[in-house]
Amino acid sequence: MRHLHAEWTKLRTLPSTWWLLAATFALTLALGAAAVSSVTTMVCPSPTDCHEDTVKLSLTGIQLSQATCLVLGVLSMGAEYATGTIRATLTAMPGRWRVLAAKSAVLALLTGVAGALGVLSSLGLARLILPANNFKASTGYPLPTLTDGATLRATAGSVLLLILVTLLGLSLATLLRDTAGSITLGLAILYVVPVLSHLFNSPTWQHRLQRWAPMPAALSIQSTKNLDVLAIGPWPGLGVLAAYAVGLLGVGGMLFKLRDA
């Protein structure tokens, strides 16, 4: 409990923590609303011909808010190395694995709350916007509801995705001990690798990147329709991101324990 209290105190006293959590909520909601609003009768004259995954569409904001989660995870460790306060932390709490575990737990909780609020608000707003664009049960598009198993999976999975991205940021900062380098590498993982998957002329390599690169694979958790055409299933796809985040965190933890502060 002492380690958790210490990490909570450090994170809550950083102004950047609250700004990044607020940005996570706002970006998830705003981009999701914009994506849902874009599907109008001008774009798609007949909803029955669109074949839109309205749940996935309403969760589009995750693709932008994941960046703020990454930065949150990086700063939680990178700021301590930048200011030198990591030495005071390790003097007061020499159990380095416990420090890293406590930091991970507090980050996961904060990200989970902000992510859940953003995701649930996005679904709620989609329920208001979609009927106005003629996307309703009578045209083959029931409103998103958590009583539907696929929607619940996409919702919970999106929150878990944000938590894993935050832990990915923490792991990179623990490994590199450099804030700018960690953020740059993290953003490349989130955004550059998915772009590369579309640049390869080889369908085989496109499929491999979409299946094994962390973000293309993890975003499959949001799909509620046409699952048979996905490169990887929803839960296995999220598992790919989890493997990267947890694996790198484990490597970072070992180096954290072996290296001098």
C-alpha atoms as a PDB file:
ATOM      1  CA  MET A   1       0.000   0.000   0.000  1.00  0.00           C
ATOM      2  CA  ARG A   2       2.893   2.362   0.715  1.00  0.00           C
ATOM      3  CA  HIS A   3       4.144   1.993  -2.854  1.00  0.00           C
ATOM      4  CA  LEU A   4       0.677   2.575  -4.298  1.00  0.00           C
ATOM      5  CA  HIS A   5       0.148   5.663  -2.146  1.00  0.00           C
ATOM      6  CA  ALA A   6       3.533   7.061  -3.182  1.00  0.00           C
ATOM      7  CA  GLU A   7       2.870   6.553  -6.896  1.00  0.00           C
ATOM      8  CA  TRP A   8      -0.636   7.985  -6.581  1.00  0.00           C
ATOM      9  CA  THR A   9       0.787  11.074  -4.845  1.00  0.00           C
ATOM     10  CA  LYS A  10       3.413  11.583  -7.551  1.00  0.00           C
ATOM     11  CA  LEU A  11       0.965  11.187 -10.421  1.00  0.00           C
ATOM     12  CA  ARG A  12      -1.822  13.315  -8.980  1.00  0.00           C
ATOM     13  CA  THR A  13       0.553  16.193  -8.224  1.00  0.00           C
ATOM     14  CA  LEU A  14       1.725  16.331 -11.850  1.00  0.00           C
ATOM     15  CA  PRO A  15      -0.495  18.799 -13.778  1.00  0.00           C
ATOM     16  CA  SER A  16       0.244  16.881 -16.981  1.00  0.00           C
ATOM     17  CA  THR A  17      -1.538  13.817 -15.572  1.00  0.00           C
ATOM     18  CA  TRP A  18      -4.901  15.554 -15.388  1.00  0.00           C
ATOM     19  CA  TRP A  19      -4.474  17.362 -18.687  1.00  0.00           C
ATOM     20  CA  LEU A  20      -3.667  14.098 -20.449  1.00  0.00           C
ATOM     21  CA  LEU A  21      -6.558  12.242 -18.818  1.00  0.00           C
ATOM     22  CA  ALA A  22      -8.927  15.062 -19.781  1.00  0.00           C
ATOM     23  CA  ALA A  23      -7.556  14.976 -23.319  1.00  0.00           C
ATOM     24  CA  THR A  24      -8.087  11.206 -23.445  1.00  0.00           C
ATOM     25  CA  PHE A  25     -11.753  11.675 -22.587  1.00  0.00           C
ATOM     26  CA  ALA A  26     -12.259  14.678 -24.880  1.00  0.00           C
ATOM     27  CA  LEU A  27     -10.523  13.183 -27.923  1.00  0.00           C
ATOM     28  CA  THR A  28     -12.342   9.855 -27.567  1.00  0.00           C
ATOM     29  CA  LEU A  29     -15.681  11.639 -27.431  1.00  0.00           C
ATOM     30  CA  ALA A  30     -15.037  14.341 -30.038  1.00  0.00           C
ATOM     31  CA  LEU A  31     -13.547  12.164 -32.766  1.00  0.00           C
ATOM     32  CA  GLY A  32     -16.141   9.453 -32.174  1.00  0.00           C
ATOM     33  CA  ALA A  33     -18.949  11.993 -32.541  1.00  0.00           C
ATOM     34  CA  ALA A  34     -17.371  13.404 -35.689  1.00  0.00           C
ATOM     35  CA  ALA A  35     -17.025   9.943 -37.238  1.00  0.00           C
ATOM     36  CA  VAL A  36     -20.629   9.001 -36.484  1.00  0.00           C
ATOM     37  CA  SER A  37     -21.908  12.361 -37.748  1.00  0.00           C
ATOM     38  CA  SER A  38     -20.012  11.903 -41.025  1.00  0.00           C
ATOM     39  CA  VAL A  39     -22.192   8.965 -42.058  1.00  0.00           C
ATOM     40  CA  THR A  40     -25.141  10.887 -43.449  1.00  0.00           C
ATOM     41  CA  THR A  41     -27.546  10.330 -46.304  1.00  0.00           C
ATOM     42  CA  MET A  42     -25.249  12.498 -48.443  1.00  0.00           C
ATOM     43  CA  VAL A  43     -22.412   9.998 -47.970  1.00  0.00           C
ATOM     44  CA  CYS A  44     -24.594   6.929 -47.885  1.00  0.00           C
ATOM     45  CA  PRO A  45     -28.041   7.398 -49.473  1.00  0.00           C
ATOM     46  CA  SER A  46     -29.322   4.091 -48.101  1.00  0.00           C
ATOM     47  CA  PRO A  47     -28.136   2.760 -44.707  1.00  0.00           C
ATOM     48  CA  THR A  48     -28.931  -0.761 -45.867  1.00  0.00           C
ATOM     49  CA  ASP A  49     -26.269  -0.366 -48.573  1.00  0.00           C
ATOM     50  CA  CYS A  50     -23.569   1.064 -46.294  1.00  0.00           C
ATOM     51  CA  HIS A  51     -22.649  -2.004 -44.256  1.00  0.00           C
ATOM     52  CA  GLU A  52     -21.198   0.329 -41.619  1.00  0.00           C
ATOM     53  CA  ASP A  53     -20.023  -1.009 -38.276  1.00  0.00           C
ATOM     54  CA  THR A  54     -21.624   1.779 -36.252  1.00  0.00           C
ATOM     55  CA  VAL A  55     -20.142   0.565 -32.948  1.00  0.00           C
ATOM     56  CA  LYS A  56     -16.613   0.637 -34.349  1.00  0.00           C
ATOM     57  CA  LEU A  57     -17.357   3.997 -35.916  1.00  0.00           C
ATOM     58  CA  SER A  58     -18.454   5.478 -32.594  1.00  0.00           C
ATOM     59  CA  LEU A  59     -15.185   4.284 -31.009  1.00  0.00           C
ATOM     60  CA  THR A  60     -12.969   5.909 -33.661  1.00  0.00           C
ATOM     61  CA  GLY A  61     -11.705   8.406 -31.087  1.00  0.00           C
ATOM     62  CA  ILE A  62      -9.583   5.670 -29.515  1.00  0.00           C
ATOM     63  CA  GLN A  63      -7.228   5.946 -32.484  1.00  0.00           C
ATOM     64  CA  LEU A  64      -6.346   9.492 -31.403  1.00  0.00           C
ATOM     65  CA  SER A  65      -6.675   9.303 -27.620  1.00  0.00           C
ATOM     66  CA  GLN A  66      -4.241   6.384 -27.524  1.00  0.00           C
ATOM     67  CA  ALA A  67      -1.509   8.972 -28.143  1.00  0.00           C
ATOM     68  CA  THR A  68      -2.321  10.847 -24.927  1.00  0.00           C
ATOM     69  CA  CYS A  69      -2.296   7.552 -23.025  1.00  0.00           C
ATOM     70  CA  LEU A  70       1.124   6.736 -24.442  1.00  0.00           C
ATOM     71  CA  VAL A  71       2.462  10.123 -23.332  1.00  0.00           C
ATOM     72  CA  LEU A  72       0.929   9.639 -19.875  1.00  0.00           C
ATOM     73  CA  GLY A  73       2.741   6.340 -19.481  1.00  0.00           C
ATOM     74  CA  VAL A  74       6.046   7.772 -20.707  1.00  0.00           C
ATOM     75  CA  LEU A  75       5.914  10.833 -18.449  1.00  0.00           C
ATOM     76  CA  SER A  76       5.124   8.787 -15.360  1.00  0.00           C
ATOM     77  CA  MET A  77       8.651   7.352 -15.532  1.00  0.00           C
ATOM     78  CA  GLY A  78      10.438   9.729 -17.902  1.00  0.00           C
ATOM     79  CA  ALA A  79       9.736  12.762 -15.731  1.00  0.00           C
ATOM     80  CA  GLU A  80      11.446  11.099 -12.779  1.00  0.00           C
ATOM     81  CA  TYR A  81      14.555  10.385 -14.806  1.00  0.00           C
ATOM     82  CA  ALA A  82      14.535  13.896 -16.280  1.00  0.00           C
ATOM     83  CA  THR A  83      14.327  15.608 -12.880  1.00  0.00           C
ATOM     84  CA  GLY A  84      16.455  13.106 -10.988  1.00  0.00           C
ATOM     85  CA  THR A  85      13.690  12.300  -8.513  1.00  0.00           C
ATOM     86  CA  ILE A  86      14.035   8.629  -9.408  1.00  0.00           C
ATOM     87  CA  ARG A  87      16.964   8.524  -6.987  1.00  0.00           C
ATOM     88  CA  ALA A  88      14.786   9.754  -4.132  1.00  0.00           C
ATOM     89  CA  THR A  89      12.099   7.234  -5.089  1.00  0.00           C
ATOM     90  CA  LEU A  90      14.524   4.321  -5.005  1.00  0.00           C
ATOM     91  CA  THR A  91      16.110   5.516  -1.773  1.00  0.00           C
ATOM     92  CA  ALA A  92      12.733   5.590  -0.054  1.00  0.00           C
ATOM     93  CA  MET A  93      11.477   2.397  -1.752  1.00  0.00           C
ATOM     94  CA  PRO A  94      14.406   0.193  -2.824  1.00  0.00           C
ATOM     95  CA  GLY A  95      12.146  -2.617  -4.085  1.00  0.00           C
ATOM     96  CA  ARG A  96      12.279  -1.720  -7.757  1.00  0.00           C
ATOM     97  CA  TRP A  97       9.804  -4.344  -8.960  1.00  0.00           C
ATOM     98  CA  ARG A  98       7.312  -3.039  -6.399  1.00  0.00           C
ATOM     99  CA  VAL A  99       7.839   0.520  -7.579  1.00  0.00           C
ATOM    100  CA  LEU A 100       7.199  -0.490 -11.185  1.00  0.00           C
ATOM    101  CA  ALA A 101       4.182  -2.624 -10.259  1.00  0.00           C
ATOM    102  CA  ALA A 102       2.671   0.187  -8.183  1.00  0.00           C
ATOM    103  CA  LYS A 103       3.224   2.708 -10.975  1.00  0.00           C
ATOM    104  CA  SER A 104       1.598   0.307 -13.458  1.00  0.00           C
ATOM    105  CA  ALA A 105      -1.414  -0.265 -11.193  1.00  0.00           C
ATOM    106  CA  VAL A 106      -2.072   3.450 -10.607  1.00  0.00           C
ATOM    107  CA  LEU A 107      -1.664   4.248 -14.304  1.00  0.00           C
ATOM    108  CA  ALA A 108      -4.018   1.414 -15.264  1.00  0.00           C
ATOM    109  CA  LEU A 109      -6.661   2.676 -12.837  1.00  0.00           C
ATOM    110  CA  LEU A 110      -6.485   6.298 -13.989  1.00  0.00           C
ATOM    111  CA  THR A 111      -6.452   5.378 -17.669  1.00  0.00           C
ATOM    112  CA  GLY A 112      -9.274   2.897 -17.169  1.00  0.00           C
ATOM    113  CA  VAL A 113     -11.524   5.518 -15.564  1.00  0.00           C
ATOM    114  CA  ALA A 114     -10.823   8.172 -18.214  1.00  0.00           C
ATOM    115  CA  GLY A 115     -11.108   5.631 -21.022  1.00  0.00           C
ATOM    116  CA  ALA A 116     -14.365   4.171 -19.724  1.00  0.00           C
ATOM    117  CA  LEU A 117     -15.920   7.628 -19.411  1.00  0.00           C
ATOM    118  CA  GLY A 118     -14.842   8.510 -22.948  1.00  0.00           C
ATOM    119  CA  VAL A 119     -15.984   5.238 -24.498  1.00  0.00           C
ATOM    120  CA  LEU A 120     -19.358   5.163 -22.744  1.00  0.00           C
ATOM    121  CA  SER A 121     -19.973   8.810 -23.606  1.00  0.00           C
ATOM    122  CA  SER A 122     -19.121   8.095 -27.253  1.00  0.00           C
ATOM    123  CA  LEU A 123     -21.640   5.254 -27.390  1.00  0.00           C
ATOM    124  CA  GLY A 124     -24.254   7.419 -25.682  1.00  0.00           C
ATOM    125  CA  LEU A 125     -23.715  10.242 -28.155  1.00  0.00           C
ATOM    126  CA  ALA A 126     -23.847   7.793 -31.064  1.00  0.00           C
ATOM    127  CA  ARG A 127     -27.289   6.688 -29.877  1.00  0.00           C
ATOM    128  CA  LEU A 128     -28.430  10.289 -30.295  1.00  0.00           C
ATOM    129  CA  ILE A 129     -26.727  11.010 -33.630  1.00  0.00           C
ATOM    130  CA  LEU A 130     -27.327   7.797 -35.590  1.00  0.00           C
ATOM    131  CA  PRO A 131     -31.166   7.892 -35.682  1.00  0.00           C
ATOM    132  CA  ALA A 132     -31.019  11.433 -37.042  1.00  0.00           C
ATOM    133  CA  ASN A 133     -28.999  10.058 -39.969  1.00  0.00           C
ATOM    134  CA  ASN A 134     -31.547   7.267 -40.524  1.00  0.00           C
ATOM    135  CA  PHE A 135     -29.346   4.590 -38.923  1.00  0.00           C
ATOM    136  CA  LYS A 136     -31.889   2.806 -36.761  1.00  0.00           C
ATOM    137  CA  ALA A 137     -33.330  -0.635 -36.178  1.00  0.00           C
ATOM    138  CA  SER A 138     -35.792  -0.341 -39.051  1.00  0.00           C
ATOM    139  CA  THR A 139     -32.929   0.145 -41.544  1.00  0.00           C
ATOM    140  CA  GLY A 140     -30.871  -2.719 -40.115  1.00  0.00           C
ATOM    141  CA  TYR A 141     -28.829  -0.736 -37.588  1.00  0.00           C
ATOM    142  CA  PRO A 142     -29.948  -1.294 -33.985  1.00  0.00           C
ATOM    143  CA  LEU A 143     -28.620   1.387 -31.672  1.00  0.00           C
ATOM    144  CA  PRO A 144     -25.406   0.459 -29.803  1.00  0.00           C
ATOM    145  CA  THR A 145     -26.222  -1.092 -26.444  1.00  0.00           C
ATOM    146  CA  LEU A 146     -24.123  -2.839 -23.822  1.00  0.00           C
ATOM    147  CA  THR A 147     -26.680  -5.650 -23.635  1.00  0.00           C
ATOM    148  CA  ASP A 148     -25.342  -6.792 -27.005  1.00  0.00           C
ATOM    149  CA  GLY A 149     -22.356  -9.097 -26.522  1.00  0.00           C
ATOM    150  CA  ALA A 150     -20.341  -7.763 -29.463  1.00  0.00           C
ATOM    151  CA  THR A 151     -20.866  -4.151 -28.388  1.00  0.00           C
ATOM    152  CA  LEU A 152     -19.899  -4.954 -24.803  1.00  0.00           C
ATOM    153  CA  ARG A 153     -16.752  -6.690 -26.036  1.00  0.00           C
ATOM    154  CA  ALA A 154     -15.816  -3.727 -28.247  1.00  0.00           C
ATOM    155  CA  THR A 155     -16.449  -1.301 -25.385  1.00  0.00           C
ATOM    156  CA  ALA A 156     -14.503  -3.184 -22.729  1.00  0.00           C
ATOM    157  CA  GLY A 157     -11.762  -4.022 -25.212  1.00  0.00           C
ATOM    158  CA  SER A 158     -11.319  -0.365 -26.168  1.00  0.00           C
ATOM    159  CA  VAL A 159     -10.791   0.577 -22.528  1.00  0.00           C
ATOM    160  CA  LEU A 160      -8.283  -2.258 -22.124  1.00  0.00           C
ATOM    161  CA  LEU A 161      -6.536  -1.088 -25.298  1.00  0.00           C
ATOM    162  CA  LEU A 162      -5.965   2.365 -23.777  1.00  0.00           C
ATOM    163  CA  ILE A 163      -4.651   0.825 -20.556  1.00  0.00           C
ATOM    164  CA  LEU A 164      -2.220  -1.359 -22.505  1.00  0.00           C
ATOM    165  CA  VAL A 165      -0.994   1.626 -24.526  1.00  0.00           C
ATOM    166  CA  THR A 166      -0.324   3.489 -21.273  1.00  0.00           C
ATOM    167  CA  LEU A 167       1.682   0.526 -19.994  1.00  0.00           C
ATOM    168  CA  LEU A 168       3.510   0.417 -23.331  1.00  0.00           C
ATOM    169  CA  GLY A 169       4.536   4.026 -22.758  1.00  0.00           C
ATOM    170  CA  LEU A 170       5.713   3.179 -19.245  1.00  0.00           C
ATOM    171  CA  SER A 171       7.733   0.231 -20.528  1.00  0.00           C
ATOM    172  CA  LEU A 172       9.449   2.322 -23.235  1.00  0.00           C
ATOM    173  CA  ALA A 173      10.377   5.035 -20.729  1.00  0.00           C
ATOM    174  CA  THR A 174      11.739   2.400 -18.339  1.00  0.00           C
ATOM    175  CA  LEU A 175      13.804   0.864 -21.126  1.00  0.00           C
ATOM    176  CA  LEU A 176      15.135   4.053 -22.744  1.00  0.00           C
ATOM    177  CA  ARG A 177      15.157   6.457 -19.758  1.00  0.00           C
ATOM    178  CA  ASP A 178      14.547   9.254 -22.265  1.00  0.00           C
ATOM    179  CA  THR A 179      11.190  11.010 -22.570  1.00  0.00           C
ATOM    180  CA  ALA A 180      11.510  12.352 -26.123  1.00  0.00           C
ATOM    181  CA  GLY A 181      12.925   9.109 -27.496  1.00  0.00           C
ATOM    182  CA  SER A 182      10.243   7.024 -25.786  1.00  0.00           C
ATOM    183  CA  ILE A 183       7.406   9.186 -27.103  1.00  0.00           C
ATOM    184  CA  THR A 184       8.857   9.171 -30.623  1.00  0.00           C
ATOM    185  CA  LEU A 185       9.274   5.401 -30.673  1.00  0.00           C
ATOM    186  CA  GLY A 186       5.842   4.887 -29.114  1.00  0.00           C
ATOM    187  CA  LEU A 187       4.104   7.093 -31.677  1.00  0.00           C
ATOM    188  CA  ALA A 188       5.904   5.230 -34.460  1.00  0.00           C
ATOM    189  CA  ILE A 189       4.547   1.955 -33.087  1.00  0.00           C
ATOM    190  CA  LEU A 190       1.034   3.381 -32.868  1.00  0.00           C
ATOM    191  CA  TYR A 191       0.842   5.196 -36.193  1.00  0.00           C
ATOM    192  CA  VAL A 192       3.761   4.521 -38.553  1.00  0.00           C
ATOM    193  CA  VAL A 193       3.584   0.716 -38.487  1.00  0.00           C
ATOM    194  CA  PRO A 194      -0.148   0.649 -39.422  1.00  0.00           C
ATOM    195  CA  VAL A 195       0.604   2.961 -42.363  1.00  0.00           C
ATOM    196  CA  LEU A 196       3.379   0.638 -43.514  1.00  0.00           C
ATOM    197  CA  SER A 197       0.911  -2.233 -43.632  1.00  0.00           C
ATOM    198  CA  HIS A 198      -0.911  -0.396 -46.424  1.00  0.00           C
ATOM    199  CA  LEU A 199       2.241   0.493 -48.370  1.00  0.00           C
ATOM    200  CA  PHE A 200       3.477  -3.038 -48.973  1.00  0.00           C
ATOM    201  CA  ASN A 201       2.557  -4.370 -52.391  1.00  0.00           C
ATOM    202  CA  SER A 202       2.645  -7.912 -51.064  1.00  0.00           C
ATOM    203  CA  PRO A 203      -0.722  -9.058 -49.682  1.00  0.00           C
ATOM    204  CA  THR A 204       1.184 -11.593 -47.580  1.00  0.00           C
ATOM    205  CA  TRP A 205       3.189  -8.915 -45.774  1.00  0.00           C
ATOM    206  CA  GLN A 206       0.132  -6.697 -45.421  1.00  0.00           C
ATOM    207  CA  HIS A 207      -1.666  -9.560 -43.721  1.00  0.00           C
ATOM    208  CA  ARG A 208       1.314 -10.296 -41.473  1.00  0.00           C
ATOM    209  CA  LEU A 209       1.635  -6.693 -40.291  1.00  0.00           C
ATOM    210  CA  GLN A 210      -2.099  -6.375 -39.678  1.00  0.00           C
ATOM    211  CA  ARG A 211      -1.977  -9.616 -37.722  1.00  0.00           C
ATOM    212  CA  TRP A 212       1.200  -9.159 -35.668  1.00  0.00           C
ATOM    213  CA  ALA A 213       1.811  -5.395 -35.439  1.00  0.00           C
ATOM    214  CA  PRO A 214       0.379  -4.230 -32.098  1.00  0.00           C
ATOM    215  CA  MET A 215      -2.068  -1.553 -33.191  1.00  0.00           C
ATOM    216  CA  PRO A 216      -3.657  -3.000 -36.348  1.00  0.00           C
ATOM    217  CA  ALA A 217      -4.149  -6.231 -34.418  1.00  0.00           C
ATOM    218  CA  ALA A 218      -5.463  -4.584 -31.238  1.00  0.00           C
ATOM    219  CA  LEU A 219      -7.995  -2.379 -33.041  1.00  0.00           C
ATOM    220  CA  SER A 220      -9.772  -5.516 -34.264  1.00  0.00           C
ATOM    221  CA  ILE A 221     -11.339  -5.626 -30.772  1.00  0.00           C
ATOM    222  CA  GLN A 222     -13.667  -2.830 -31.894  1.00  0.00           C
ATOM    223  CA  SER A 223     -15.186  -4.768 -34.794  1.00  0.00           C
ATOM    224  CA  THR A 224     -18.721  -6.083 -34.356  1.00  0.00           C
ATOM    225  CA  LYS A 225     -19.451  -6.998 -37.985  1.00  0.00           C
ATOM    226  CA  ASN A 226     -17.691  -8.958 -40.744  1.00  0.00           C
ATOM    227  CA  LEU A 227     -15.332 -10.627 -38.291  1.00  0.00           C
ATOM    228  CA  ASP A 228     -14.492 -13.292 -40.862  1.00  0.00           C
ATOM    229  CA  VAL A 229     -12.521 -10.791 -42.972  1.00  0.00           C
ATOM    230  CA  LEU A 230     -10.303  -9.627 -40.102  1.00  0.00           C
ATOM    231  CA  ALA A 231      -6.617 -10.561 -40.232  1.00  0.00           C
ATOM    232  CA  ILE A 232      -6.893 -11.645 -36.588  1.00  0.00           C
ATOM    233  CA  GLY A 233      -9.804 -12.145 -34.189  1.00  0.00           C
ATOM    234  CA  PRO A 234     -10.821  -9.433 -31.694  1.00  0.00           C
ATOM    235  CA  TRP A 235      -9.482 -10.962 -28.466  1.00  0.00           C
ATOM    236  CA  PRO A 236      -6.345 -12.505 -30.029  1.00  0.00           C
ATOM    237  CA  GLY A 237      -5.673  -9.113 -31.633  1.00  0.00           C
ATOM    238  CA  LEU A 238      -5.841  -7.370 -28.266  1.00  0.00           C
ATOM    239  CA  GLY A 239      -3.634 -10.142 -26.934  1.00  0.00           C
ATOM    240  CA  VAL A 240      -0.932  -9.133 -29.430  1.00  0.00           C
ATOM    241  CA  LEU A 241      -0.804  -5.626 -27.940  1.00  0.00           C
ATOM    242  CA  ALA A 242      -0.841  -7.106 -24.435  1.00  0.00           C
ATOM    243  CA  ALA A 243       2.134  -9.304 -25.327  1.00  0.00           C
ATOM    244  CA  TYR A 244       4.110  -6.278 -26.541  1.00  0.00           C
ATOM    245  CA  ALA A 245       3.194  -4.122 -23.531  1.00  0.00           C
ATOM    246  CA  VAL A 246       3.714  -6.769 -20.858  1.00  0.00           C
ATOM    247  CA  GLY A 247       6.788  -8.225 -22.549  1.00  0.00           C
ATOM    248  CA  LEU A 248       8.521  -4.852 -22.856  1.00  0.00           C
ATOM    249  CA  LEU A 249       7.487  -3.971 -19.314  1.00  0.00           C
ATOM    250  CA  GLY A 250       9.102  -7.198 -18.117  1.00  0.00           C
ATOM    251  CA  VAL A 251      12.333  -6.435 -19.988  1.00  0.00           C
ATOM    252  CA  GLY A 252      12.246  -2.869 -18.717  1.00  0.00           C
ATOM    253  CA  GLY A 253      11.702  -4.123 -15.183  1.00  0.00           C
ATOM    254  CA  MET A 254      14.753  -6.358 -15.368  1.00  0.00           C
ATOM    255  CA  LEU A 255      16.916  -3.491 -16.618  1.00  0.00           C
ATOM    256  CA  PHE A 256      15.370  -1.196 -14.015  1.00  0.00           C
ATOM    257  CA  LYS A 257      16.500  -3.641 -11.346  1.00  0.00           C
ATOM    258  CA  LEU A 258      20.015  -4.159 -12.747  1.00  0.00           C
ATOM    259  CA  ARG A 259      20.964  -0.640 -13.780  1.00  0.00           C
ATOM    260  CA  ASP A 260      21.928   2.290 -11.575  1.00  0.00           C
ATOM    261  CA  ALA A 261      19.320   5.023 -11.302  1.00  0.00           C
END
